[in-house]
Amino acid sequence: AGGGAAAAAAEEEEETGCRIRSTVLPAGTRVRFRWETMSGEREWYAGVVTSYSSRRGHCVAYENGEFRNEDLDDWDASDFEVVGGVASAFLASSAERAARGPAGATSSTSPTPAASS
């Protein structure tokens, strides 16, 4: 019985280019992702979800001003976490940085590491 729903979702993805996401976080949600650095170390990078698109996933404004689209379904549960509630003050400062232009939004490097907590 469950195969019909999976087949329908796969067919929808094929037709629309969209993928059904398992989790949609609201704008303002604080998150952390663990990235592997150039040296092979794994470090946490913090940011705030600014928006969601069914095609691109969650837009995350990282603390260093970078904006990246993150598909939560591509992240292992041990490398991603929600760390708090809505961060409206951070969103306002992120919007100001966005108005000045994307700060490395297309770079292939990891964002700046999150402060240790």
PDB file of N, CA and C in Angstrom:
ATOM      1  N   ALA A   1       0.826  -1.190   0.000  1.00  0.00           N
ATOM      2  CA  ALA A   1       0.000   0.000   0.000  1.00  0.00           C
ATOM      3  C   ALA A   1       0.858   1.236   0.000  1.00  0.00           C
ATOM      4  N   GLY A   2       2.000   1.256   0.754  1.00  0.00           N
ATOM      5  CA  GLY A   2       2.880   2.416   0.826  1.00  0.00           C
ATOM      6  C   GLY A   2       3.620   2.676  -0.469  1.00  0.00           C
ATOM      7  N   GLY A   3       3.790   1.648  -1.298  1.00  0.00           N
ATOM      8  CA  GLY A   3       4.505   1.811  -2.552  1.00  0.00           C
ATOM      9  C   GLY A   3       3.800   2.758  -3.499  1.00  0.00           C
ATOM     10  N   GLY A   4       2.462   2.811  -3.448  1.00  0.00           N
ATOM     11  CA  GLY A   4       1.708   3.708  -4.308  1.00  0.00           C
ATOM     12  C   GLY A   4       2.032   5.159  -4.025  1.00  0.00           C
ATOM     13  N   ALA A   5       2.148   5.520  -2.739  1.00  0.00           N
ATOM     14  CA  ALA A   5       2.474   6.901  -2.364  1.00  0.00           C
ATOM     15  C   ALA A   5       3.895   7.250  -2.805  1.00  0.00           C
ATOM     16  N   ALA A   6       4.831   6.319  -2.622  1.00  0.00           N
ATOM     17  CA  ALA A   6       6.214   6.565  -3.027  1.00  0.00           C
ATOM     18  C   ALA A   6       6.310   6.726  -4.536  1.00  0.00           C
ATOM     19  N   ALA A   7       5.574   5.893  -5.264  1.00  0.00           N
ATOM     20  CA  ALA A   7       5.580   5.989  -6.719  1.00  0.00           C
ATOM     21  C   ALA A   7       4.980   7.311  -7.170  1.00  0.00           C
ATOM     22  N   ALA A   8       3.918   7.756  -6.506  1.00  0.00           N
ATOM     23  CA  ALA A   8       3.290   9.036  -6.849  1.00  0.00           C
ATOM     24  C   ALA A   8       4.249  10.193  -6.579  1.00  0.00           C
ATOM     25  N   ALA A   9       4.978  10.135  -5.446  1.00  0.00           N
ATOM     26  CA  ALA A   9       5.942  11.191  -5.125  1.00  0.00           C
ATOM     27  C   ALA A   9       7.071  11.212  -6.143  1.00  0.00           C
ATOM     28  N   ALA A  10       7.565  10.042  -6.541  1.00  0.00           N
ATOM     29  CA  ALA A  10       8.638   9.967  -7.538  1.00  0.00           C
ATOM     30  C   ALA A  10       8.149  10.509  -8.872  1.00  0.00           C
ATOM     31  N   GLU A  11       6.901  10.181  -9.230  1.00  0.00           N
ATOM     32  CA  GLU A  11       6.337  10.678 -10.484  1.00  0.00           C
ATOM     33  C   GLU A  11       6.186  12.196 -10.441  1.00  0.00           C
ATOM     34  N   GLU A  12       5.735  12.741  -9.297  1.00  0.00           N
ATOM     35  CA  GLU A  12       5.602  14.190  -9.160  1.00  0.00           C
ATOM     36  C   GLU A  12       6.957  14.867  -9.287  1.00  0.00           C
ATOM     37  N   GLU A  13       7.979  14.287  -8.656  1.00  0.00           N
ATOM     38  CA  GLU A  13       9.326  14.853  -8.737  1.00  0.00           C
ATOM     39  C   GLU A  13       9.789  14.873 -10.179  1.00  0.00           C
ATOM     40  N   GLU A  14       9.554  13.793 -10.903  1.00  0.00           N
ATOM     41  CA  GLU A  14       9.967  13.691 -12.295  1.00  0.00           C
ATOM     42  C   GLU A  14       9.243  14.728 -13.144  1.00  0.00           C
ATOM     43  N   GLU A  15       7.945  14.934 -12.901  1.00  0.00           N
ATOM     44  CA  GLU A  15       7.152  15.859 -13.692  1.00  0.00           C
ATOM     45  C   GLU A  15       7.458  17.314 -13.372  1.00  0.00           C
ATOM     46  N   THR A  16       7.658  17.646 -12.104  1.00  0.00           N
ATOM     47  CA  THR A  16       7.801  19.048 -11.709  1.00  0.00           C
ATOM     48  C   THR A  16       9.234  19.457 -11.421  1.00  0.00           C
ATOM     49  N   GLY A  17      10.118  18.501 -11.253  1.00  0.00           N
ATOM     50  CA  GLY A  17      11.485  18.817 -10.858  1.00  0.00           C
ATOM     51  C   GLY A  17      11.588  19.096  -9.372  1.00  0.00           C
ATOM     52  N   CYS A  18      10.502  18.959  -8.635  1.00  0.00           N
ATOM     53  CA  CYS A  18      10.484  19.203  -7.193  1.00  0.00           C
ATOM     54  C   CYS A  18      10.589  17.888  -6.446  1.00  0.00           C
ATOM     55  N   ARG A  19      11.105  17.956  -5.269  1.00  0.00           N
ATOM     56  CA  ARG A  19      11.190  16.786  -4.423  1.00  0.00           C
ATOM     57  C   ARG A  19      10.356  17.031  -3.178  1.00  0.00           C
ATOM     58  N   ILE A  20       9.648  16.038  -2.731  1.00  0.00           N
ATOM     59  CA  ILE A  20       8.868  16.171  -1.508  1.00  0.00           C
ATOM     60  C   ILE A  20       9.840  16.145  -0.333  1.00  0.00           C
ATOM     61  N   ARG A  21       9.912  17.224   0.414  1.00  0.00           N
ATOM     62  CA  ARG A  21      10.824  17.323   1.544  1.00  0.00           C
ATOM     63  C   ARG A  21      10.161  16.746   2.787  1.00  0.00           C
ATOM     64  N   SER A  22      10.957  16.086   3.611  1.00  0.00           N
ATOM     65  CA  SER A  22      10.395  15.488   4.818  1.00  0.00           C
ATOM     66  C   SER A  22      10.240  16.530   5.927  1.00  0.00           C
ATOM     67  N   THR A  23      11.031  17.593   5.903  1.00  0.00           N
ATOM     68  CA  THR A  23      10.991  18.602   6.947  1.00  0.00           C
ATOM     69  C   THR A  23      11.037  19.987   6.324  1.00  0.00           C
ATOM     70  N   VAL A  24      10.131  20.850   6.735  1.00  0.00           N
ATOM     71  CA  VAL A  24      10.161  22.250   6.313  1.00  0.00           C
ATOM     72  C   VAL A  24      10.224  23.081   7.582  1.00  0.00           C
ATOM     73  N   LEU A  25      11.314  23.835   7.739  1.00  0.00           N
ATOM     74  CA  LEU A  25      11.493  24.675   8.920  1.00  0.00           C
ATOM     75  C   LEU A  25      11.044  26.094   8.598  1.00  0.00           C
ATOM     76  N   PRO A  26      10.391  26.773   9.542  1.00  0.00           N
ATOM     77  CA  PRO A  26       9.957  28.146   9.289  1.00  0.00           C
ATOM     78  C   PRO A  26      11.135  29.122   9.284  1.00  0.00           C
ATOM     79  N   ALA A  27      10.965  30.223   8.566  1.00  0.00           N
ATOM     80  CA  ALA A  27      11.985  31.280   8.561  1.00  0.00           C
ATOM     81  C   ALA A  27      12.226  31.719   9.999  1.00  0.00           C
ATOM     82  N   GLY A  28      13.491  31.945  10.325  1.00  0.00           N
ATOM     83  CA  GLY A  28      13.864  32.369  11.669  1.00  0.00           C
ATOM     84  C   GLY A  28      14.353  31.243  12.550  1.00  0.00           C
ATOM     85  N   THR A  29      14.271  30.001  12.074  1.00  0.00           N
ATOM     86  CA  THR A  29      14.727  28.861  12.873  1.00  0.00           C
ATOM     87  C   THR A  29      16.250  28.823  12.886  1.00  0.00           C
ATOM     88  N   ARG A  30      16.818  28.761  14.079  1.00  0.00           N
ATOM     89  CA  ARG A  30      18.284  28.656  14.221  1.00  0.00           C
ATOM     90  C   ARG A  30      18.696  27.207  13.966  1.00  0.00           C
ATOM     91  N   VAL A  31      19.742  27.025  13.156  1.00  0.00           N
ATOM     92  CA  VAL A  31      20.220  25.698  12.797  1.00  0.00           C
ATOM     93  C   VAL A  31      21.739  25.654  12.844  1.00  0.00           C
ATOM     94  N   ARG A  32      22.267  24.434  12.882  1.00  0.00           N
ATOM     95  CA  ARG A  32      23.709  24.205  12.759  1.00  0.00           C
ATOM     96  C   ARG A  32      23.919  23.027  11.835  1.00  0.00           C
ATOM     97  N   PHE A  33      24.951  23.120  11.009  1.00  0.00           N
ATOM     98  CA  PHE A  33      25.354  22.026  10.132  1.00  0.00           C
ATOM     99  C   PHE A  33      26.809  21.721  10.418  1.00  0.00           C
ATOM    100  N   ARG A  34      27.166  20.435  10.397  1.00  0.00           N
ATOM    101  CA  ARG A  34      28.563  20.044  10.598  1.00  0.00           C
ATOM    102  C   ARG A  34      29.167  19.773   9.229  1.00  0.00           C
ATOM    103  N   TRP A  35      30.134  20.617   8.861  1.00  0.00           N
ATOM    104  CA  TRP A  35      30.815  20.525   7.578  1.00  0.00           C
ATOM    105  C   TRP A  35      32.201  19.943   7.778  1.00  0.00           C
ATOM    106  N   GLU A  36      32.688  19.274   6.760  1.00  0.00           N
ATOM    107  CA  GLU A  36      34.070  18.819   6.780  1.00  0.00           C
ATOM    108  C   GLU A  36      34.918  19.939   6.196  1.00  0.00           C
ATOM    109  N   THR A  37      35.948  20.348   6.936  1.00  0.00           N
ATOM    110  CA  THR A  37      36.814  21.436   6.496  1.00  0.00           C
ATOM    111  C   THR A  37      37.890  20.904   5.548  1.00  0.00           C
ATOM    112  N   MET A  38      38.648  21.814   4.965  1.00  0.00           N
ATOM    113  CA  MET A  38      39.729  21.432   4.047  1.00  0.00           C
ATOM    114  C   MET A  38      40.759  20.540   4.738  1.00  0.00           C
ATOM    115  N   SER A  39      40.928  20.709   6.055  1.00  0.00           N
ATOM    116  CA  SER A  39      41.910  19.906   6.795  1.00  0.00           C
ATOM    117  C   SER A  39      41.349  18.543   7.202  1.00  0.00           C
ATOM    118  N   GLY A  40      40.069  18.283   6.862  1.00  0.00           N
ATOM    119  CA  GLY A  40      39.472  17.003   7.202  1.00  0.00           C
ATOM    120  C   GLY A  40      38.747  17.003   8.540  1.00  0.00           C
ATOM    121  N   GLU A  41      38.854  18.105   9.274  1.00  0.00           N
ATOM    122  CA  GLU A  41      38.138  18.224  10.546  1.00  0.00           C
ATOM    123  C   GLU A  41      36.662  18.467  10.261  1.00  0.00           C
ATOM    124  N   ARG A  42      35.818  18.120  11.223  1.00  0.00           N
ATOM    125  CA  ARG A  42      34.382  18.388  11.087  1.00  0.00           C
ATOM    126  C   ARG A  42      34.007  19.446  12.108  1.00  0.00           C
ATOM    127  N   GLU A  43      33.494  20.582  11.628  1.00  0.00           N
ATOM    128  CA  GLU A  43      33.149  21.697  12.506  1.00  0.00           C
ATOM    129  C   GLU A  43      31.711  22.126  12.284  1.00  0.00           C
ATOM    130  N   TRP A  44      31.080  22.627  13.356  1.00  0.00           N
ATOM    131  CA  TRP A  44      29.711  23.113  13.284  1.00  0.00           C
ATOM    132  C   TRP A  44      29.689  24.532  12.750  1.00  0.00           C
ATOM    133  N   TYR A  45      28.727  24.815  11.889  1.00  0.00           N
ATOM    134  CA  TYR A  45      28.514  26.145  11.317  1.00  0.00           C
ATOM    135  C   TYR A  45      27.066  26.537  11.572  1.00  0.00           C
ATOM    136  N   ALA A  46      26.868  27.677  12.236  1.00  0.00           N
ATOM    137  CA  ALA A  46      25.530  28.098  12.643  1.00  0.00           C
ATOM    138  C   ALA A  46      24.948  29.113  11.679  1.00  0.00           C
ATOM    139  N   GLY A  47      23.621  29.112  11.608  1.00  0.00           N
ATOM    140  CA  GLY A  47      22.921  30.079  10.782  1.00  0.00           C
ATOM    141  C   GLY A  47      21.443  30.094  11.120  1.00  0.00           C
ATOM    142  N   VAL A  48      20.692  30.822  10.299  1.00  0.00           N
ATOM    143  CA  VAL A  48      19.257  30.965  10.490  1.00  0.00           C
ATOM    144  C   VAL A  48      18.565  30.712   9.162  1.00  0.00           C
ATOM    145  N   VAL A  49      17.489  29.941   9.190  1.00  0.00           N
ATOM    146  CA  VAL A  49      16.687  29.712   7.986  1.00  0.00           C
ATOM    147  C   VAL A  49      16.005  31.029   7.624  1.00  0.00           C
ATOM    148  N   THR A  50      16.188  31.473   6.375  1.00  0.00           N
ATOM    149  CA  THR A  50      15.544  32.716   5.932  1.00  0.00           C
ATOM    150  C   THR A  50      14.325  32.444   5.065  1.00  0.00           C
ATOM    151  N   SER A  51      14.301  31.295   4.370  1.00  0.00           N
ATOM    152  CA  SER A  51      13.164  30.961   3.515  1.00  0.00           C
ATOM    153  C   SER A  51      13.241  29.492   3.126  1.00  0.00           C
ATOM    154  N   TYR A  52      12.185  29.031   2.451  1.00  0.00           N
ATOM    155  CA  TYR A  52      12.135  27.658   1.970  1.00  0.00           C
ATOM    156  C   TYR A  52      11.570  27.654   0.554  1.00  0.00           C
ATOM    157  N   SER A  53      12.146  26.833  -0.308  1.00  0.00           N
ATOM    158  CA  SER A  53      11.671  26.646  -1.673  1.00  0.00           C
ATOM    159  C   SER A  53      11.616  25.143  -1.936  1.00  0.00           C
ATOM    160  N   SER A  54      10.533  24.679  -2.550  1.00  0.00           N
ATOM    161  CA  SER A  54      10.435  23.244  -2.837  1.00  0.00           C
ATOM    162  C   SER A  54      11.491  22.804  -3.840  1.00  0.00           C
ATOM    163  N   ARG A  55      12.014  23.712  -4.618  1.00  0.00           N
ATOM    164  CA  ARG A  55      13.063  23.379  -5.585  1.00  0.00           C
ATOM    165  C   ARG A  55      14.471  23.455  -4.999  1.00  0.00           C
ATOM    166  N   ARG A  56      14.712  24.445  -4.140  1.00  0.00           N
ATOM    167  CA  ARG A  56      16.069  24.672  -3.640  1.00  0.00           C
ATOM    168  C   ARG A  56      16.287  24.257  -2.195  1.00  0.00           C
ATOM    169  N   GLY A  57      15.219  24.026  -1.446  1.00  0.00           N
ATOM    170  CA  GLY A  57      15.363  23.677  -0.038  1.00  0.00           C
ATOM    171  C   GLY A  57      15.337  24.913   0.835  1.00  0.00           C
ATOM    172  N   HIS A  58      16.020  24.843   1.965  1.00  0.00           N
ATOM    173  CA  HIS A  58      16.043  25.933   2.934  1.00  0.00           C
ATOM    174  C   HIS A  58      17.193  26.878   2.626  1.00  0.00           C
ATOM    175  N   CYS A  59      16.900  28.164   2.555  1.00  0.00           N
ATOM    176  CA  CYS A  59      17.968  29.157   2.430  1.00  0.00           C
ATOM    177  C   CYS A  59      18.434  29.450   3.851  1.00  0.00           C
ATOM    178  N   VAL A  60      19.723  29.264   4.095  1.00  0.00           N
ATOM    179  CA  VAL A  60      20.291  29.480   5.416  1.00  0.00           C
ATOM    180  C   VAL A  60      21.271  30.649   5.340  1.00  0.00           C
ATOM    181  N   ALA A  61      21.067  31.627   6.222  1.00  0.00           N
ATOM    182  CA  ALA A  61      21.994  32.747   6.368  1.00  0.00           C
ATOM    183  C   ALA A  61      22.972  32.363   7.465  1.00  0.00           C
ATOM    184  N   TYR A  62      24.211  32.075   7.080  1.00  0.00           N
ATOM    185  CA  TYR A  62      25.221  31.693   8.062  1.00  0.00           C
ATOM    186  C   TYR A  62      25.739  32.924   8.779  1.00  0.00           C
ATOM    187  N   GLU A  63      26.313  32.735   9.954  1.00  0.00           N
ATOM    188  CA  GLU A  63      26.753  33.837  10.803  1.00  0.00           C
ATOM    189  C   GLU A  63      27.802  34.738  10.155  1.00  0.00           C
ATOM    190  N   ASN A  64      28.524  34.228   9.161  1.00  0.00           N
ATOM    191  CA  ASN A  64      29.539  35.038   8.499  1.00  0.00           C
ATOM    192  C   ASN A  64      28.981  35.828   7.318  1.00  0.00           C
ATOM    193  N   GLY A  65      27.669  35.739   7.084  1.00  0.00           N
ATOM    194  CA  GLY A  65      27.047  36.489   6.001  1.00  0.00           C
ATOM    195  C   GLY A  65      26.807  35.690   4.740  1.00  0.00           C
ATOM    196  N   GLU A  66      27.303  34.462   4.688  1.00  0.00           N
ATOM    197  CA  GLU A  66      27.052  33.622   3.516  1.00  0.00           C
ATOM    198  C   GLU A  66      25.627  33.101   3.531  1.00  0.00           C
ATOM    199  N   PHE A  67      25.041  32.962   2.355  1.00  0.00           N
ATOM    200  CA  PHE A  67      23.721  32.367   2.196  1.00  0.00           C
ATOM    201  C   PHE A  67      23.889  31.106   1.368  1.00  0.00           C
ATOM    202  N   ARG A  68      23.309  29.997   1.838  1.00  0.00           N
ATOM    203  CA  ARG A  68      23.376  28.729   1.106  1.00  0.00           C
ATOM    204  C   ARG A  68      22.013  28.062   1.139  1.00  0.00           C
ATOM    205  N   ASN A  69      21.708  27.358   0.070  1.00  0.00           N
ATOM    206  CA  ASN A  69      20.492  26.543   0.034  1.00  0.00           C
ATOM    207  C   ASN A  69      20.852  25.149   0.519  1.00  0.00           C
ATOM    208  N   GLU A  70      20.170  24.706   1.564  1.00  0.00           N
ATOM    209  CA  GLU A  70      20.442  23.406   2.168  1.00  0.00           C
ATOM    210  C   GLU A  70      19.209  22.513   2.046  1.00  0.00           C
ATOM    211  N   ASP A  71      19.388  21.338   1.486  1.00  0.00           N
ATOM    212  CA  ASP A  71      18.332  20.332   1.411  1.00  0.00           C
ATOM    213  C   ASP A  71      18.514  19.426   2.624  1.00  0.00           C
ATOM    214  N   LEU A  72      17.630  19.547   3.604  1.00  0.00           N
ATOM    215  CA  LEU A  72      17.791  18.802   4.855  1.00  0.00           C
ATOM    216  C   LEU A  72      17.811  17.300   4.650  1.00  0.00           C
ATOM    217  N   ASP A  73      17.151  16.826   3.600  1.00  0.00           N
ATOM    218  CA  ASP A  73      17.143  15.385   3.331  1.00  0.00           C
ATOM    219  C   ASP A  73      18.515  14.876   2.886  1.00  0.00           C
ATOM    220  N   ASP A  74      19.411  15.777   2.494  1.00  0.00           N
ATOM    221  CA  ASP A  74      20.763  15.386   2.093  1.00  0.00           C
ATOM    222  C   ASP A  74      21.725  15.327   3.273  1.00  0.00           C
ATOM    223  N   TRP A  75      21.302  15.780   4.440  1.00  0.00           N
ATOM    224  CA  TRP A  75      22.166  15.831   5.615  1.00  0.00           C
ATOM    225  C   TRP A  75      21.868  14.666   6.541  1.00  0.00           C
ATOM    226  N   ASP A  76      22.911  14.033   7.060  1.00  0.00           N
ATOM    227  CA  ASP A  76      22.765  12.993   8.065  1.00  0.00           C
ATOM    228  C   ASP A  76      22.282  13.647   9.363  1.00  0.00           C
ATOM    229  N   ALA A  77      21.449  12.972  10.106  1.00  0.00           N
ATOM    230  CA  ALA A  77      20.894  13.523  11.343  1.00  0.00           C
ATOM    231  C   ALA A  77      21.983  13.941  12.330  1.00  0.00           C
ATOM    232  N   SER A  78      23.140  13.320  12.292  1.00  0.00           N
ATOM    233  CA  SER A  78      24.214  13.683  13.224  1.00  0.00           C
ATOM    234  C   SER A  78      24.980  14.926  12.761  1.00  0.00           C
ATOM    235  N   ASP A  79      24.707  15.411  11.553  1.00  0.00           N
ATOM    236  CA  ASP A  79      25.412  16.578  11.012  1.00  0.00           C
ATOM    237  C   ASP A  79      24.525  17.802  10.850  1.00  0.00           C
ATOM    238  N   PHE A  80      23.314  17.746  11.401  1.00  0.00           N
ATOM    239  CA  PHE A  80      22.387  18.862  11.313  1.00  0.00           C
ATOM    240  C   PHE A  80      21.557  18.914  12.584  1.00  0.00           C
ATOM    241  N   GLU A  81      21.324  20.114  13.105  1.00  0.00           N
ATOM    242  CA  GLU A  81      20.427  20.229  14.246  1.00  0.00           C
ATOM    243  C   GLU A  81      19.786  21.607  14.311  1.00  0.00           C
ATOM    244  N   VAL A  82      18.576  21.629  14.848  1.00  0.00           N
ATOM    245  CA  VAL A  82      17.884  22.876  15.161  1.00  0.00           C
ATOM    246  C   VAL A  82      18.353  23.251  16.551  1.00  0.00           C
ATOM    247  N   VAL A  83      18.805  24.491  16.733  1.00  0.00           N
ATOM    248  CA  VAL A  83      19.418  24.862  18.010  1.00  0.00           C
ATOM    249  C   VAL A  83      18.612  25.882  18.803  1.00  0.00           C
ATOM    250  N   GLY A  84      17.487  26.283  18.321  1.00  0.00           N
ATOM    251  CA  GLY A  84      16.696  27.239  19.089  1.00  0.00           C
ATOM    252  C   GLY A  84      15.497  27.703  18.302  1.00  0.00           C
ATOM    253  N   GLY A  85      14.869  28.703  18.823  1.00  0.00           N
ATOM    254  CA  GLY A  85      13.662  29.238  18.208  1.00  0.00           C
ATOM    255  C   GLY A  85      13.965  30.258  17.130  1.00  0.00           C
ATOM    256  N   VAL A  86      12.995  31.117  16.909  1.00  0.00           N
ATOM    257  CA  VAL A  86      13.089  32.134  15.868  1.00  0.00           C
ATOM    258  C   VAL A  86      14.077  33.211  16.276  1.00  0.00           C
ATOM    259  N   ALA A  87      14.859  33.659  15.325  1.00  0.00           N
ATOM    260  CA  ALA A  87      15.906  34.642  15.574  1.00  0.00           C
ATOM    261  C   ALA A  87      15.629  35.899  14.759  1.00  0.00           C
ATOM    262  N   SER A  88      14.627  36.678  15.129  1.00  0.00           N
ATOM    263  CA  SER A  88      14.217  37.820  14.322  1.00  0.00           C
ATOM    264  C   SER A  88      15.297  38.896  14.217  1.00  0.00           C
ATOM    265  N   ALA A  89      16.058  39.143  15.268  1.00  0.00           N
ATOM    266  CA  ALA A  89      17.115  40.156  15.195  1.00  0.00           C
ATOM    267  C   ALA A  89      18.195  39.728  14.208  1.00  0.00           C
ATOM    268  N   PHE A  90      18.547  38.439  14.216  1.00  0.00           N
ATOM    269  CA  PHE A  90      19.550  37.944  13.275  1.00  0.00           C
ATOM    270  C   PHE A  90      19.031  38.023  11.850  1.00  0.00           C
ATOM    271  N   LEU A  91      17.742  37.719  11.652  1.00  0.00           N
ATOM    272  CA  LEU A  91      17.156  37.808  10.316  1.00  0.00           C
ATOM    273  C   LEU A  91      17.233  39.229   9.790  1.00  0.00           C
ATOM    274  N   ALA A  92      17.000  40.225  10.637  1.00  0.00           N
ATOM    275  CA  ALA A  92      17.065  41.617  10.202  1.00  0.00           C
ATOM    276  C   ALA A  92      18.474  41.963   9.747  1.00  0.00           C
ATOM    277  N   SER A  93      19.500  41.563  10.504  1.00  0.00           N
ATOM    278  CA  SER A  93      20.866  41.870  10.104  1.00  0.00           C
ATOM    279  C   SER A  93      21.253  41.083   8.856  1.00  0.00           C
ATOM    280  N   SER A  94      20.718  39.864   8.701  1.00  0.00           N
ATOM    281  CA  SER A  94      20.977  39.075   7.501  1.00  0.00           C
ATOM    282  C   SER A  94      20.358  39.739   6.285  1.00  0.00           C
ATOM    283  N   ALA A  95      19.176  40.303   6.454  1.00  0.00           N
ATOM    284  CA  ALA A  95      18.512  40.988   5.340  1.00  0.00           C
ATOM    285  C   ALA A  95      19.328  42.201   4.910  1.00  0.00           C
ATOM    286  N   GLU A  96      19.916  42.898   5.864  1.00  0.00           N
ATOM    287  CA  GLU A  96      20.765  44.040   5.529  1.00  0.00           C
ATOM    288  C   GLU A  96      21.989  43.582   4.739  1.00  0.00           C
ATOM    289  N   ARG A  97      22.604  42.464   5.155  1.00  0.00           N
ATOM    290  CA  ARG A  97      23.767  41.947   4.421  1.00  0.00           C
ATOM    291  C   ARG A  97      23.347  41.506   3.030  1.00  0.00           C
ATOM    292  N   ALA A  98      22.174  40.894   2.915  1.00  0.00           N
ATOM    293  CA  ALA A  98      21.691  40.428   1.610  1.00  0.00           C
ATOM    294  C   ALA A  98      21.471  41.608   0.674  1.00  0.00           C
ATOM    295  N   ALA A  99      21.017  42.735   1.213  1.00  0.00           N
ATOM    296  CA  ALA A  99      20.782  43.912   0.392  1.00  0.00           C
ATOM    297  C   ALA A  99      22.097  44.444  -0.183  1.00  0.00           C
ATOM    298  N   ARG A 100      23.201  44.210   0.523  1.00  0.00           N
ATOM    299  CA  ARG A 100      24.518  44.646   0.035  1.00  0.00           C
ATOM    300  C   ARG A 100      25.072  43.686  -1.006  1.00  0.00           C
ATOM    301  N   GLY A 101      24.468  42.510  -1.148  1.00  0.00           N
ATOM    302  CA  GLY A 101      24.931  41.526  -2.130  1.00  0.00           C
ATOM    303  C   GLY A 101      25.304  40.232  -1.456  1.00  0.00           C
ATOM    304  N   PRO A 102      25.255  39.126  -2.211  1.00  0.00           N
ATOM    305  CA  PRO A 102      25.582  37.821  -1.632  1.00  0.00           C
ATOM    306  C   PRO A 102      27.051  37.736  -1.276  1.00  0.00           C
ATOM    307  N   ALA A 103      27.319  37.347  -0.054  1.00  0.00           N
ATOM    308  CA  ALA A 103      28.702  37.212   0.415  1.00  0.00           C
ATOM    309  C   ALA A 103      29.145  35.775   0.241  1.00  0.00           C
ATOM    310  N   GLY A 104      29.613  35.456  -0.947  1.00  0.00           N
ATOM    311  CA  GLY A 104      30.126  34.110  -1.182  1.00  0.00           C
ATOM    312  C   GLY A 104      29.055  33.054  -1.319  1.00  0.00           C
ATOM    313  N   ALA A 105      27.858  33.420  -1.727  1.00  0.00           N
ATOM    314  CA  ALA A 105      26.760  32.463  -1.791  1.00  0.00           C
ATOM    315  C   ALA A 105      27.047  31.301  -2.731  1.00  0.00           C
ATOM    316  N   THR A 106      27.949  31.496  -3.676  1.00  0.00           N
ATOM    317  CA  THR A 106      28.228  30.425  -4.619  1.00  0.00           C
ATOM    318  C   THR A 106      29.612  29.821  -4.407  1.00  0.00           C
ATOM    319  N   SER A 107      30.292  30.206  -3.322  1.00  0.00           N
ATOM    320  CA  SER A 107      31.624  29.664  -3.093  1.00  0.00           C
ATOM    321  C   SER A 107      31.534  28.192  -2.727  1.00  0.00           C
ATOM    322  N   SER A 108      32.636  27.480  -2.900  1.00  0.00           N
ATOM    323  CA  SER A 108      32.633  26.044  -2.602  1.00  0.00           C
ATOM    324  C   SER A 108      33.246  25.753  -1.244  1.00  0.00           C
ATOM    325  N   THR A 109      33.544  26.789  -0.471  1.00  0.00           N
ATOM    326  CA  THR A 109      34.122  26.568   0.844  1.00  0.00           C
ATOM    327  C   THR A 109      33.038  26.500   1.893  1.00  0.00           C
ATOM    328  N   SER A 110      33.387  25.979   3.047  1.00  0.00           N
ATOM    329  CA  SER A 110      32.451  25.915   4.171  1.00  0.00           C
ATOM    330  C   SER A 110      32.258  27.306   4.745  1.00  0.00           C
ATOM    331  N   PRO A 111      31.100  27.560   5.363  1.00  0.00           N
ATOM    332  CA  PRO A 111      30.905  28.835   6.061  1.00  0.00           C
ATOM    333  C   PRO A 111      31.826  28.915   7.269  1.00  0.00           C
ATOM    334  N   THR A 112      31.852  30.069   7.929  1.00  0.00           N
ATOM    335  CA  THR A 112      32.658  30.258   9.131  1.00  0.00           C
ATOM    336  C   THR A 112      32.139  29.371  10.247  1.00  0.00           C
ATOM    337  N   PRO A 113      33.043  28.725  11.016  1.00  0.00           N
ATOM    338  CA  PRO A 113      32.586  27.835  12.077  1.00  0.00           C
ATOM    339  C   PRO A 113      31.724  28.543  13.116  1.00  0.00           C
ATOM    340  N   ALA A 114      30.792  27.808  13.695  1.00  0.00           N
ATOM    341  CA  ALA A 114      29.948  28.332  14.777  1.00  0.00           C
ATOM    342  C   ALA A 114      30.782  28.444  16.038  1.00  0.00           C
ATOM    343  N   ALA A 115      30.429  29.387  16.862  1.00  0.00           N
ATOM    344  CA  ALA A 115      31.103  29.525  18.132  1.00  0.00           C
ATOM    345  C   ALA A 115      30.811  28.290  18.986  1.00  0.00           C
ATOM    346  N   SER A 116      31.787  27.866  19.745  1.00  0.00           N
ATOM    347  CA  SER A 116      31.577  26.716  20.618  1.00  0.00           C
ATOM    348  C   SER A 116      30.592  27.062  21.700  1.00  0.00           C
ATOM    349  N   SER A 117      29.727  26.082  22.020  1.00  0.00           N
ATOM    350  CA  SER A 117      28.772  26.339  23.105  1.00  0.00           C
ATOM    351  C   SER A 117      28.938  25.376  24.228  1.00  0.00           C
TER     352      SER A 117
END
